[in-house]
Amino acid sequence: MHRVGMVLILVVLVGVQTIGQTGVATTQRIPQFENASVKVWKSVIVPNAPLTLHRHDHGRTIVALVGGDLKVVKDSGKTEVMHWETGKAYWLGTDPPGEMHKDVNDTGKVIEVMVVEMK
């Protein structure tokens, strides 16, 4: 558990340096690193360019580098809005079996998060 805590601190410190510097025009996942304990990527979600349908089979920590309101649209049509404040971390558990979702940013500004997924 101590190693995971150190990874989260490192992710936050590295991520804070990148706030507002991406200049990214498309929604994308940017791999950071992976080891036996975690898989880490940065998600940049631009307005009106949702991530494709996907699911999460493992719990994960989200660190908001540039926060905002992200709409999670499930394949069933159900919608939930996640409010992420810049600089704060959030825990998201596994998705229910068979459930898929896409992440939609309709706020008019880029949202950036670091995702630390447990294995």
PDB file of N, CA and C in Angstrom:
ATOM      1  N   MET A   1       0.829  -1.194   0.000  1.00  0.00           N
ATOM      2  CA  MET A   1       0.000   0.000   0.000  1.00  0.00           C
ATOM      3  C   MET A   1       0.866   1.246   0.000  1.00  0.00           C
ATOM      4  N   HIS A   2       2.023   1.189   0.680  1.00  0.00           N
ATOM      5  CA  HIS A   2       2.915   2.341   0.738  1.00  0.00           C
ATOM      6  C   HIS A   2       3.403   2.714  -0.665  1.00  0.00           C
ATOM      7  N   ARG A   3       3.713   1.690  -1.484  1.00  0.00           N
ATOM      8  CA  ARG A   3       4.193   1.931  -2.842  1.00  0.00           C
ATOM      9  C   ARG A   3       3.119   2.637  -3.677  1.00  0.00           C
ATOM     10  N   VAL A   4       1.850   2.224  -3.544  1.00  0.00           N
ATOM     11  CA  VAL A   4       0.753   2.852  -4.282  1.00  0.00           C
ATOM     12  C   VAL A   4       0.613   4.316  -3.872  1.00  0.00           C
ATOM     13  N   GLY A   5       0.745   4.599  -2.568  1.00  0.00           N
ATOM     14  CA  GLY A   5       0.683   5.987  -2.101  1.00  0.00           C
ATOM     15  C   GLY A   5       1.775   6.837  -2.711  1.00  0.00           C
ATOM     16  N   MET A   6       2.975   6.290  -2.788  1.00  0.00           N
ATOM     17  CA  MET A   6       4.087   7.031  -3.395  1.00  0.00           C
ATOM     18  C   MET A   6       3.838   7.267  -4.876  1.00  0.00           C
ATOM     19  N   VAL A   7       3.262   6.281  -5.559  1.00  0.00           N
ATOM     20  CA  VAL A   7       2.929   6.433  -6.981  1.00  0.00           C
ATOM     21  C   VAL A   7       1.936   7.575  -7.153  1.00  0.00           C
ATOM     22  N   LEU A   8       0.908   7.637  -6.293  1.00  0.00           N
ATOM     23  CA  LEU A   8      -0.095   8.699  -6.402  1.00  0.00           C
ATOM     24  C   LEU A   8       0.534  10.071  -6.182  1.00  0.00           C
ATOM     25  N   ILE A   9       1.423  10.185  -5.210  1.00  0.00           N
ATOM     26  CA  ILE A   9       2.101  11.467  -4.968  1.00  0.00           C
ATOM     27  C   ILE A   9       2.912  11.871  -6.185  1.00  0.00           C
ATOM     28  N   LEU A  10       3.649  10.923  -6.769  1.00  0.00           N
ATOM     29  CA  LEU A  10       4.445  11.214  -7.951  1.00  0.00           C
ATOM     30  C   LEU A  10       3.557  11.643  -9.113  1.00  0.00           C
ATOM     31  N   VAL A  11       2.450  10.946  -9.309  1.00  0.00           N
ATOM     32  CA  VAL A  11       1.524  11.289 -10.397  1.00  0.00           C
ATOM     33  C   VAL A  11       1.001  12.709 -10.226  1.00  0.00           C
ATOM     34  N   VAL A  12       0.627  13.076  -9.006  1.00  0.00           N
ATOM     35  CA  VAL A  12       0.116  14.427  -8.757  1.00  0.00           C
ATOM     36  C   VAL A  12       1.196  15.460  -9.036  1.00  0.00           C
ATOM     37  N   LEU A  13       2.409  15.222  -8.554  1.00  0.00           N
ATOM     38  CA  LEU A  13       3.484  16.192  -8.752  1.00  0.00           C
ATOM     39  C   LEU A  13       3.823  16.368 -10.227  1.00  0.00           C
ATOM     40  N   VAL A  14       3.910  15.268 -10.952  1.00  0.00           N
ATOM     41  CA  VAL A  14       4.190  15.356 -12.388  1.00  0.00           C
ATOM     42  C   VAL A  14       3.035  16.020 -13.106  1.00  0.00           C
ATOM     43  N   GLY A  15       1.809  15.655 -12.757  1.00  0.00           N
ATOM     44  CA  GLY A  15       0.629  16.185 -13.430  1.00  0.00           C
ATOM     45  C   GLY A  15       0.443  17.668 -13.224  1.00  0.00           C
ATOM     46  N   VAL A  16       0.747  18.181 -12.039  1.00  0.00           N
ATOM     47  CA  VAL A  16       0.555  19.595 -11.763  1.00  0.00           C
ATOM     48  C   VAL A  16       1.405  20.447 -12.696  1.00  0.00           C
ATOM     49  N   GLN A  17       2.560  19.942 -13.084  1.00  0.00           N
ATOM     50  CA  GLN A  17       3.424  20.696 -13.983  1.00  0.00           C
ATOM     51  C   GLN A  17       2.849  20.799 -15.390  1.00  0.00           C
ATOM     52  N   THR A  18       1.897  19.926 -15.752  1.00  0.00           N
ATOM     53  CA  THR A  18       1.384  19.909 -17.121  1.00  0.00           C
ATOM     54  C   THR A  18       0.066  20.646 -17.283  1.00  0.00           C
ATOM     55  N   ILE A  19      -0.490  21.193 -16.222  1.00  0.00           N
ATOM     56  CA  ILE A  19      -1.787  21.859 -16.316  1.00  0.00           C
ATOM     57  C   ILE A  19      -1.725  22.971 -17.353  1.00  0.00           C
ATOM     58  N   GLY A  20      -2.663  22.910 -18.282  1.00  0.00           N
ATOM     59  CA  GLY A  20      -2.766  23.961 -19.286  1.00  0.00           C
ATOM     60  C   GLY A  20      -1.694  23.926 -20.353  1.00  0.00           C
ATOM     61  N   GLN A  21      -0.821  22.938 -20.345  1.00  0.00           N
ATOM     62  CA  GLN A  21       0.269  22.903 -21.313  1.00  0.00           C
ATOM     63  C   GLN A  21       0.048  21.904 -22.438  1.00  0.00           C
ATOM     64  N   THR A  22      -1.044  21.195 -22.431  1.00  0.00           N
ATOM     65  CA  THR A  22      -1.206  20.126 -23.414  1.00  0.00           C
ATOM     66  C   THR A  22      -1.443  20.642 -24.821  1.00  0.00           C
ATOM     67  N   GLY A  23      -2.275  21.652 -24.983  1.00  0.00           N
ATOM     68  CA  GLY A  23      -2.585  22.136 -26.316  1.00  0.00           C
ATOM     69  C   GLY A  23      -3.211  21.054 -27.191  1.00  0.00           C
ATOM     70  N   VAL A  24      -3.827  20.055 -26.597  1.00  0.00           N
ATOM     71  CA  VAL A  24      -4.387  18.918 -27.319  1.00  0.00           C
ATOM     72  C   VAL A  24      -5.721  19.299 -27.944  1.00  0.00           C
ATOM     73  N   ALA A  25      -5.920  18.913 -29.200  1.00  0.00           N
ATOM     74  CA  ALA A  25      -7.144  19.264 -29.910  1.00  0.00           C
ATOM     75  C   ALA A  25      -8.130  18.103 -29.987  1.00  0.00           C
ATOM     76  N   THR A  26      -7.706  16.891 -29.605  1.00  0.00           N
ATOM     77  CA  THR A  26      -8.582  15.734 -29.659  1.00  0.00           C
ATOM     78  C   THR A  26      -8.576  15.013 -28.309  1.00  0.00           C
ATOM     79  N   THR A  27      -9.673  14.337 -28.021  1.00  0.00           N
ATOM     80  CA  THR A  27      -9.750  13.528 -26.818  1.00  0.00           C
ATOM     81  C   THR A  27      -8.807  12.341 -26.971  1.00  0.00           C
ATOM     82  N   GLN A  28      -8.043  12.064 -25.916  1.00  0.00           N
ATOM     83  CA  GLN A  28      -7.101  10.955 -26.007  1.00  0.00           C
ATOM     84  C   GLN A  28      -6.664  10.456 -24.644  1.00  0.00           C
ATOM     85  N   ARG A  29      -6.171   9.222 -24.640  1.00  0.00           N
ATOM     86  CA  ARG A  29      -5.525   8.627 -23.477  1.00  0.00           C
ATOM     87  C   ARG A  29      -4.036   8.577 -23.777  1.00  0.00           C
ATOM     88  N   ILE A  30      -3.247   9.072 -22.848  1.00  0.00           N
ATOM     89  CA  ILE A  30      -1.797   9.120 -23.031  1.00  0.00           C
ATOM     90  C   ILE A  30      -1.160   8.212 -21.976  1.00  0.00           C
ATOM     91  N   PRO A  31      -0.627   7.054 -22.396  1.00  0.00           N
ATOM     92  CA  PRO A  31      -0.020   6.135 -21.428  1.00  0.00           C
ATOM     93  C   PRO A  31       1.120   6.812 -20.664  1.00  0.00           C
ATOM     94  N   GLN A  32       1.206   6.523 -19.354  1.00  0.00           N
ATOM     95  CA  GLN A  32       2.269   7.065 -18.508  1.00  0.00           C
ATOM     96  C   GLN A  32       3.244   5.953 -18.124  1.00  0.00           C
ATOM     97  N   PHE A  33       2.744   4.938 -17.444  1.00  0.00           N
ATOM     98  CA  PHE A  33       3.546   3.755 -17.137  1.00  0.00           C
ATOM     99  C   PHE A  33       2.647   2.648 -16.625  1.00  0.00           C
ATOM    100  N   GLU A  34       3.231   1.442 -16.553  1.00  0.00           N
ATOM    101  CA  GLU A  34       2.512   0.285 -16.051  1.00  0.00           C
ATOM    102  C   GLU A  34       3.505  -0.616 -15.343  1.00  0.00           C
ATOM    103  N   ASN A  35       3.080  -1.198 -14.215  1.00  0.00           N
ATOM    104  CA  ASN A  35       3.890  -2.191 -13.523  1.00  0.00           C
ATOM    105  C   ASN A  35       2.963  -3.286 -13.006  1.00  0.00           C
ATOM    106  N   ALA A  36       3.453  -4.126 -12.110  1.00  0.00           N
ATOM    107  CA  ALA A  36       2.657  -5.248 -11.618  1.00  0.00           C
ATOM    108  C   ALA A  36       1.474  -4.806 -10.760  1.00  0.00           C
ATOM    109  N   SER A  37       1.507  -3.580 -10.227  1.00  0.00           N
ATOM    110  CA  SER A  37       0.464  -3.105  -9.316  1.00  0.00           C
ATOM    111  C   SER A  37      -0.548  -2.174  -9.949  1.00  0.00           C
ATOM    112  N   VAL A  38      -0.103  -1.311 -10.889  1.00  0.00           N
ATOM    113  CA  VAL A  38      -0.975  -0.285 -11.449  1.00  0.00           C
ATOM    114  C   VAL A  38      -0.720  -0.066 -12.936  1.00  0.00           C
ATOM    115  N   LYS A  39      -1.718   0.534 -13.575  1.00  0.00           N
ATOM    116  CA  LYS A  39      -1.598   1.033 -14.947  1.00  0.00           C
ATOM    117  C   LYS A  39      -2.006   2.498 -14.873  1.00  0.00           C
ATOM    118  N   VAL A  40      -1.188   3.394 -15.428  1.00  0.00           N
ATOM    119  CA  VAL A  40      -1.442   4.826 -15.300  1.00  0.00           C
ATOM    120  C   VAL A  40      -1.507   5.462 -16.687  1.00  0.00           C
ATOM    121  N   TRP A  41      -2.543   6.292 -16.886  1.00  0.00           N
ATOM    122  CA  TRP A  41      -2.637   7.054 -18.119  1.00  0.00           C
ATOM    123  C   TRP A  41      -3.237   8.415 -17.817  1.00  0.00           C
ATOM    124  N   LYS A  42      -2.990   9.344 -18.719  1.00  0.00           N
ATOM    125  CA  LYS A  42      -3.582  10.674 -18.641  1.00  0.00           C
ATOM    126  C   LYS A  42      -4.694  10.718 -19.681  1.00  0.00           C
ATOM    127  N   SER A  43      -5.873  11.137 -19.265  1.00  0.00           N
ATOM    128  CA  SER A  43      -6.974  11.331 -20.205  1.00  0.00           C
ATOM    129  C   SER A  43      -7.184  12.826 -20.400  1.00  0.00           C
ATOM    130  N   VAL A  44      -7.219  13.236 -21.651  1.00  0.00           N
ATOM    131  CA  VAL A  44      -7.528  14.612 -22.022  1.00  0.00           C
ATOM    132  C   VAL A  44      -8.834  14.540 -22.792  1.00  0.00           C
ATOM    133  N   ILE A  45      -9.883  15.144 -22.224  1.00  0.00           N
ATOM    134  CA  ILE A  45     -11.213  15.054 -22.822  1.00  0.00           C
ATOM    135  C   ILE A  45     -11.620  16.448 -23.286  1.00  0.00           C
ATOM    136  N   VAL A  46     -11.586  16.651 -24.581  1.00  0.00           N
ATOM    137  CA  VAL A  46     -11.925  17.962 -25.131  1.00  0.00           C
ATOM    138  C   VAL A  46     -13.437  18.055 -25.309  1.00  0.00           C
ATOM    139  N   PRO A  47     -13.957  19.272 -25.352  1.00  0.00           N
ATOM    140  CA  PRO A  47     -15.405  19.434 -25.532  1.00  0.00           C
ATOM    141  C   PRO A  47     -15.899  18.786 -26.824  1.00  0.00           C
ATOM    142  N   ASN A  48     -17.055  18.141 -26.731  1.00  0.00           N
ATOM    143  CA  ASN A  48     -17.753  17.558 -27.879  1.00  0.00           C
ATOM    144  C   ASN A  48     -16.949  16.503 -28.629  1.00  0.00           C
ATOM    145  N   ALA A  49     -16.047  15.796 -27.923  1.00  0.00           N
ATOM    146  CA  ALA A  49     -15.286  14.697 -28.515  1.00  0.00           C
ATOM    147  C   ALA A  49     -15.193  13.573 -27.480  1.00  0.00           C
ATOM    148  N   PRO A  50     -16.306  12.833 -27.280  1.00  0.00           N
ATOM    149  CA  PRO A  50     -16.347  11.832 -26.205  1.00  0.00           C
ATOM    150  C   PRO A  50     -15.397  10.660 -26.433  1.00  0.00           C
ATOM    151  N   LEU A  51     -14.997  10.042 -25.318  1.00  0.00           N
ATOM    152  CA  LEU A  51     -14.280   8.770 -25.406  1.00  0.00           C
ATOM    153  C   LEU A  51     -15.272   7.729 -25.916  1.00  0.00           C
ATOM    154  N   THR A  52     -14.789   6.744 -26.638  1.00  0.00           N
ATOM    155  CA  THR A  52     -15.653   5.693 -27.145  1.00  0.00           C
ATOM    156  C   THR A  52     -16.156   4.813 -25.993  1.00  0.00           C
ATOM    157  N   LEU A  53     -17.187   4.019 -26.266  1.00  0.00           N
ATOM    158  CA  LEU A  53     -17.721   3.112 -25.252  1.00  0.00           C
ATOM    159  C   LEU A  53     -16.609   2.208 -24.725  1.00  0.00           C
ATOM    160  N   HIS A  54     -16.555   2.084 -23.409  1.00  0.00           N
ATOM    161  CA  HIS A  54     -15.552   1.254 -22.758  1.00  0.00           C
ATOM    162  C   HIS A  54     -16.048   0.874 -21.367  1.00  0.00           C
ATOM    163  N   ARG A  55     -15.266   0.085 -20.648  1.00  0.00           N
ATOM    164  CA  ARG A  55     -15.612  -0.304 -19.285  1.00  0.00           C
ATOM    165  C   ARG A  55     -14.335  -0.407 -18.462  1.00  0.00           C
ATOM    166  N   HIS A  56     -14.505  -0.455 -17.149  1.00  0.00           N
ATOM    167  CA  HIS A  56     -13.379  -0.569 -16.226  1.00  0.00           C
ATOM    168  C   HIS A  56     -13.593  -1.798 -15.351  1.00  0.00           C
ATOM    169  N   ASP A  57     -12.700  -2.770 -15.478  1.00  0.00           N
ATOM    170  CA  ASP A  57     -12.788  -3.999 -14.693  1.00  0.00           C
ATOM    171  C   ASP A  57     -12.003  -3.914 -13.392  1.00  0.00           C
ATOM    172  N   HIS A  58     -11.327  -2.788 -13.173  1.00  0.00           N
ATOM    173  CA  HIS A  58     -10.529  -2.599 -11.962  1.00  0.00           C
ATOM    174  C   HIS A  58     -10.834  -1.231 -11.362  1.00  0.00           C
ATOM    175  N   GLY A  59     -10.708  -1.127 -10.039  1.00  0.00           N
ATOM    176  CA  GLY A  59     -10.877   0.158  -9.385  1.00  0.00           C
ATOM    177  C   GLY A  59      -9.751   1.103  -9.775  1.00  0.00           C
ATOM    178  N   ARG A  60     -10.024   2.408  -9.674  1.00  0.00           N
ATOM    179  CA  ARG A  60      -9.026   3.384 -10.096  1.00  0.00           C
ATOM    180  C   ARG A  60      -9.182   4.682  -9.327  1.00  0.00           C
ATOM    181  N   THR A  61      -8.080   5.387  -9.229  1.00  0.00           N
ATOM    182  CA  THR A  61      -8.051   6.716  -8.641  1.00  0.00           C
ATOM    183  C   THR A  61      -7.935   7.717  -9.784  1.00  0.00           C
ATOM    184  N   ILE A  62      -8.757   8.760  -9.740  1.00  0.00           N
ATOM    185  CA  ILE A  62      -8.716   9.839 -10.718  1.00  0.00           C
ATOM    186  C   ILE A  62      -8.137  11.064 -10.007  1.00  0.00           C
ATOM    187  N   VAL A  63      -7.100  11.661 -10.582  1.00  0.00           N
ATOM    188  CA  VAL A  63      -6.551  12.911 -10.060  1.00  0.00           C
ATOM    189  C   VAL A  63      -6.847  13.980 -11.106  1.00  0.00           C
ATOM    190  N   ALA A  64      -7.654  14.965 -10.739  1.00  0.00           N
ATOM    191  CA  ALA A  64      -8.055  16.012 -11.684  1.00  0.00           C
ATOM    192  C   ALA A  64      -6.921  17.027 -11.837  1.00  0.00           C
ATOM    193  N   LEU A  65      -6.310  17.046 -13.011  1.00  0.00           N
ATOM    194  CA  LEU A  65      -5.276  18.038 -13.313  1.00  0.00           C
ATOM    195  C   LEU A  65      -5.934  19.348 -13.730  1.00  0.00           C
ATOM    196  N   VAL A  66      -6.970  19.231 -14.534  1.00  0.00           N
ATOM    197  CA  VAL A  66      -7.828  20.352 -14.905  1.00  0.00           C
ATOM    198  C   VAL A  66      -9.244  19.830 -14.757  1.00  0.00           C
ATOM    199  N   GLY A  67      -9.908  20.231 -13.707  1.00  0.00           N
ATOM    200  CA  GLY A  67     -11.216  19.686 -13.373  1.00  0.00           C
ATOM    201  C   GLY A  67     -12.339  20.196 -14.252  1.00  0.00           C
ATOM    202  N   GLY A  68     -13.518  19.699 -13.948  1.00  0.00           N
ATOM    203  CA  GLY A  68     -14.715  20.087 -14.678  1.00  0.00           C
ATOM    204  C   GLY A  68     -15.816  19.078 -14.437  1.00  0.00           C
ATOM    205  N   ASP A  69     -16.906  19.245 -15.149  1.00  0.00           N
ATOM    206  CA  ASP A  69     -18.043  18.325 -15.063  1.00  0.00           C
ATOM    207  C   ASP A  69     -18.031  17.406 -16.266  1.00  0.00           C
ATOM    208  N   LEU A  70     -17.884  16.125 -16.011  1.00  0.00           N
ATOM    209  CA  LEU A  70     -17.819  15.124 -17.067  1.00  0.00           C
ATOM    210  C   LEU A  70     -19.083  14.273 -17.018  1.00  0.00           C
ATOM    211  N   LYS A  71     -19.731  14.148 -18.139  1.00  0.00           N
ATOM    212  CA  LYS A  71     -20.954  13.352 -18.232  1.00  0.00           C
ATOM    213  C   LYS A  71     -20.576  11.915 -18.591  1.00  0.00           C
ATOM    214  N   VAL A  72     -21.024  10.973 -17.783  1.00  0.00           N
ATOM    215  CA  VAL A  72     -20.809   9.550 -18.041  1.00  0.00           C
ATOM    216  C   VAL A  72     -22.122   9.001 -18.581  1.00  0.00           C
ATOM    217  N   VAL A  73     -22.098   8.571 -19.844  1.00  0.00           N
ATOM    218  CA  VAL A  73     -23.298   8.077 -20.518  1.00  0.00           C
ATOM    219  C   VAL A  73     -23.171   6.569 -20.670  1.00  0.00           C
ATOM    220  N   LYS A  74     -24.042   5.834 -19.978  1.00  0.00           N
ATOM    221  CA  LYS A  74     -24.006   4.376 -20.023  1.00  0.00           C
ATOM    222  C   LYS A  74     -24.726   3.869 -21.257  1.00  0.00           C
ATOM    223  N   ASP A  75     -24.360   2.666 -21.688  1.00  0.00           N
ATOM    224  CA  ASP A  75     -24.987   2.103 -22.891  1.00  0.00           C
ATOM    225  C   ASP A  75     -26.482   1.882 -22.703  1.00  0.00           C
ATOM    226  N   SER A  76     -26.951   1.899 -21.471  1.00  0.00           N
ATOM    227  CA  SER A  76     -28.388   1.787 -21.193  1.00  0.00           C
ATOM    228  C   SER A  76     -29.111   3.117 -21.425  1.00  0.00           C
ATOM    229  N   GLY A  77     -28.338   4.200 -21.592  1.00  0.00           N
ATOM    230  CA  GLY A  77     -28.915   5.527 -21.751  1.00  0.00           C
ATOM    231  C   GLY A  77     -28.873   6.355 -20.475  1.00  0.00           C
ATOM    232  N   LYS A  78     -28.649   5.704 -19.333  1.00  0.00           N
ATOM    233  CA  LYS A  78     -28.561   6.422 -18.056  1.00  0.00           C
ATOM    234  C   LYS A  78     -27.330   7.340 -18.062  1.00  0.00           C
ATOM    235  N   THR A  79     -27.506   8.555 -17.536  1.00  0.00           N
ATOM    236  CA  THR A  79     -26.427   9.541 -17.517  1.00  0.00           C
ATOM    237  C   THR A  79     -26.159   9.997 -16.093  1.00  0.00           C
ATOM    238  N   GLU A  80     -24.875  10.163 -15.792  1.00  0.00           N
ATOM    239  CA  GLU A  80     -24.435  10.657 -14.487  1.00  0.00           C
ATOM    240  C   GLU A  80     -23.370  11.718 -14.730  1.00  0.00           C
ATOM    241  N   VAL A  81     -23.411  12.798 -13.966  1.00  0.00           N
ATOM    242  CA  VAL A  81     -22.396  13.846 -14.107  1.00  0.00           C
ATOM    243  C   VAL A  81     -21.419  13.742 -12.946  1.00  0.00           C
ATOM    244  N   MET A  82     -20.143  13.647 -13.294  1.00  0.00           N
ATOM    245  CA  MET A  82     -19.076  13.590 -12.296  1.00  0.00           C
ATOM    246  C   MET A  82     -18.467  14.985 -12.203  1.00  0.00           C
ATOM    247  N   HIS A  83     -18.434  15.558 -11.001  1.00  0.00           N
ATOM    248  CA  HIS A  83     -17.810  16.869 -10.804  1.00  0.00           C
ATOM    249  C   HIS A  83     -16.435  16.644 -10.189  1.00  0.00           C
ATOM    250  N   TRP A  84     -15.395  17.016 -10.927  1.00  0.00           N
ATOM    251  CA  TRP A  84     -14.025  16.845 -10.456  1.00  0.00           C
ATOM    252  C   TRP A  84     -13.378  18.214 -10.295  1.00  0.00           C
ATOM    253  N   GLU A  85     -12.908  18.503  -9.089  1.00  0.00           N
ATOM    254  CA  GLU A  85     -12.230  19.767  -8.813  1.00  0.00           C
ATOM    255  C   GLU A  85     -10.735  19.619  -9.090  1.00  0.00           C
ATOM    256  N   THR A  86     -10.159  20.636  -9.724  1.00  0.00           N
ATOM    257  CA  THR A  86      -8.733  20.634 -10.017  1.00  0.00           C
ATOM    258  C   THR A  86      -7.933  20.395  -8.742  1.00  0.00           C
ATOM    259  N   GLY A  87      -6.963  19.465  -8.837  1.00  0.00           N
ATOM    260  CA  GLY A  87      -6.086  19.175  -7.720  1.00  0.00           C
ATOM    261  C   GLY A  87      -6.610  18.155  -6.737  1.00  0.00           C
ATOM    262  N   LYS A  88      -7.823  17.667  -6.917  1.00  0.00           N
ATOM    263  CA  LYS A  88      -8.395  16.687  -5.994  1.00  0.00           C
ATOM    264  C   LYS A  88      -8.380  15.288  -6.616  1.00  0.00           C
ATOM    265  N   ALA A  89      -8.390  14.285  -5.739  1.00  0.00           N
ATOM    266  CA  ALA A  89      -8.387  12.885  -6.172  1.00  0.00           C
ATOM    267  C   ALA A  89      -9.717  12.236  -5.819  1.00  0.00           C
ATOM    268  N   TYR A  90     -10.127  11.274  -6.638  1.00  0.00           N
ATOM    269  CA  TYR A  90     -11.406  10.587  -6.472  1.00  0.00           C
ATOM    270  C   TYR A  90     -11.222   9.098  -6.718  1.00  0.00           C
ATOM    271  N   TRP A  91     -11.989   8.287  -5.996  1.00  0.00           N
ATOM    272  CA  TRP A  91     -11.972   6.843  -6.197  1.00  0.00           C
ATOM    273  C   TRP A  91     -13.172   6.433  -7.035  1.00  0.00           C
ATOM    274  N   LEU A  92     -12.939   5.615  -8.047  1.00  0.00           N
ATOM    275  CA  LEU A  92     -14.006   5.044  -8.868  1.00  0.00           C
ATOM    276  C   LEU A  92     -13.828   3.534  -8.871  1.00  0.00           C
ATOM    277  N   GLY A  93     -14.860   2.814  -8.491  1.00  0.00           N
ATOM    278  CA  GLY A  93     -14.791   1.358  -8.437  1.00  0.00           C
ATOM    279  C   GLY A  93     -14.950   0.728  -9.807  1.00  0.00           C
ATOM    280  N   THR A  94     -15.076  -0.582  -9.813  1.00  0.00           N
ATOM    281  CA  THR A  94     -15.246  -1.306 -11.070  1.00  0.00           C
ATOM    282  C   THR A  94     -16.650  -1.073 -11.628  1.00  0.00           C
ATOM    283  N   ASP A  95     -16.782  -1.211 -12.925  1.00  0.00           N
ATOM    284  CA  ASP A  95     -18.093  -1.103 -13.561  1.00  0.00           C
ATOM    285  C   ASP A  95     -18.861  -2.406 -13.360  1.00  0.00           C
ATOM    286  N   PRO A  96     -20.179  -2.334 -13.276  1.00  0.00           N
ATOM    287  CA  PRO A  96     -20.971  -3.564 -13.161  1.00  0.00           C
ATOM    288  C   PRO A  96     -20.727  -4.463 -14.373  1.00  0.00           C
ATOM    289  N   PRO A  97     -20.831  -5.781 -14.190  1.00  0.00           N
ATOM    290  CA  PRO A  97     -20.606  -6.718 -15.301  1.00  0.00           C
ATOM    291  C   PRO A  97     -21.450  -6.372 -16.530  1.00  0.00           C
ATOM    292  N   GLY A  98     -20.801  -6.344 -17.687  1.00  0.00           N
ATOM    293  CA  GLY A  98     -21.491  -6.105 -18.943  1.00  0.00           C
ATOM    294  C   GLY A  98     -21.834  -4.657 -19.243  1.00  0.00           C
ATOM    295  N   GLU A  99     -21.641  -3.750 -18.290  1.00  0.00           N
ATOM    296  CA  GLU A  99     -22.008  -2.346 -18.508  1.00  0.00           C
ATOM    297  C   GLU A  99     -20.876  -1.582 -19.206  1.00  0.00           C
ATOM    298  N   MET A 100     -21.242  -0.817 -20.207  1.00  0.00           N
ATOM    299  CA  MET A 100     -20.301   0.020 -20.953  1.00  0.00           C
ATOM    300  C   MET A 100     -20.719   1.475 -20.770  1.00  0.00           C
ATOM    301  N   HIS A 101     -19.756   2.397 -20.966  1.00  0.00           N
ATOM    302  CA  HIS A 101     -20.073   3.821 -20.879  1.00  0.00           C
ATOM    303  C   HIS A 101     -19.114   4.622 -21.753  1.00  0.00           C
ATOM    304  N   LYS A 102     -19.496   5.853 -22.019  1.00  0.00           N
ATOM    305  CA  LYS A 102     -18.587   6.788 -22.688  1.00  0.00           C
ATOM    306  C   LYS A 102     -18.561   8.058 -21.862  1.00  0.00           C
ATOM    307  N   ASP A 103     -17.441   8.762 -21.923  1.00  0.00           N
ATOM    308  CA  ASP A 103     -17.259  10.000 -21.178  1.00  0.00           C
ATOM    309  C   ASP A 103     -17.437  11.173 -22.132  1.00  0.00           C
ATOM    310  N   VAL A 104     -18.350  12.089 -21.780  1.00  0.00           N
ATOM    311  CA  VAL A 104     -18.700  13.210 -22.654  1.00  0.00           C
ATOM    312  C   VAL A 104     -18.417  14.521 -21.929  1.00  0.00           C
ATOM    313  N   ASN A 105     -17.659  15.374 -22.564  1.00  0.00           N
ATOM    314  CA  ASN A 105     -17.375  16.702 -22.023  1.00  0.00           C
ATOM    315  C   ASN A 105     -18.149  17.711 -22.861  1.00  0.00           C
ATOM    316  N   ASP A 106     -19.228  18.240 -22.301  1.00  0.00           N
ATOM    317  CA  ASP A 106     -19.990  19.263 -23.023  1.00  0.00           C
ATOM    318  C   ASP A 106     -19.934  20.605 -22.288  1.00  0.00           C
ATOM    319  N   THR A 107     -18.799  20.856 -21.609  1.00  0.00           N
ATOM    320  CA  THR A 107     -18.652  22.066 -20.799  1.00  0.00           C
ATOM    321  C   THR A 107     -18.037  23.242 -21.546  1.00  0.00           C
ATOM    322  N   GLY A 108     -17.399  22.988 -22.672  1.00  0.00           N
ATOM    323  CA  GLY A 108     -16.752  24.085 -23.399  1.00  0.00           C
ATOM    324  C   GLY A 108     -15.293  24.285 -23.020  1.00  0.00           C
ATOM    325  N   LYS A 109     -14.757  23.456 -22.073  1.00  0.00           N
ATOM    326  CA  LYS A 109     -13.331  23.557 -21.743  1.00  0.00           C
ATOM    327  C   LYS A 109     -12.746  22.160 -21.592  1.00  0.00           C
ATOM    328  N   VAL A 110     -11.451  22.051 -21.828  1.00  0.00           N
ATOM    329  CA  VAL A 110     -10.751  20.766 -21.753  1.00  0.00           C
ATOM    330  C   VAL A 110     -10.699  20.285 -20.304  1.00  0.00           C
ATOM    331  N   ILE A 111     -10.919  18.986 -20.102  1.00  0.00           N
ATOM    332  CA  ILE A 111     -10.773  18.337 -18.798  1.00  0.00           C
ATOM    333  C   ILE A 111      -9.586  17.388 -18.909  1.00  0.00           C
ATOM    334  N   GLU A 112      -8.688  17.436 -17.913  1.00  0.00           N
ATOM    335  CA  GLU A 112      -7.524  16.556 -17.902  1.00  0.00           C
ATOM    336  C   GLU A 112      -7.485  15.817 -16.576  1.00  0.00           C
ATOM    337  N   VAL A 113      -7.336  14.492 -16.642  1.00  0.00           N
ATOM    338  CA  VAL A 113      -7.230  13.689 -15.425  1.00  0.00           C
ATOM    339  C   VAL A 113      -6.118  12.667 -15.577  1.00  0.00           C
ATOM    340  N   MET A 114      -5.485  12.339 -14.459  1.00  0.00           N
ATOM    341  CA  MET A 114      -4.542  11.238 -14.406  1.00  0.00           C
ATOM    342  C   MET A 114      -5.303  10.076 -13.798  1.00  0.00           C
ATOM    343  N   VAL A 115      -5.231   8.919 -14.432  1.00  0.00           N
ATOM    344  CA  VAL A 115      -5.950   7.739 -13.967  1.00  0.00           C
ATOM    345  C   VAL A 115      -4.924   6.712 -13.489  1.00  0.00           C
ATOM    346  N   VAL A 116      -5.080   6.253 -12.242  1.00  0.00           N
ATOM    347  CA  VAL A 116      -4.231   5.229 -11.667  1.00  0.00           C
ATOM    348  C   VAL A 116      -5.113   4.020 -11.406  1.00  0.00           C
ATOM    349  N   GLU A 117      -5.036   3.039 -12.296  1.00  0.00           N
ATOM    350  CA  GLU A 117      -5.891   1.861 -12.207  1.00  0.00           C
ATOM    351  C   GLU A 117      -5.160   0.726 -11.500  1.00  0.00           C
ATOM    352  N   MET A 118      -5.805   0.170 -10.458  1.00  0.00           N
ATOM    353  CA  MET A 118      -5.236  -0.940  -9.711  1.00  0.00           C
ATOM    354  C   MET A 118      -5.304  -2.215 -10.539  1.00  0.00           C
ATOM    355  N   LYS A 119      -4.407  -3.125 -10.293  1.00  0.00           N
ATOM    356  CA  LYS A 119      -4.443  -4.433 -10.985  1.00  0.00           C
ATOM    357  C   LYS A 119      -4.820  -5.515 -10.006  1.00  0.00           C
TER     358      LYS A 119
END
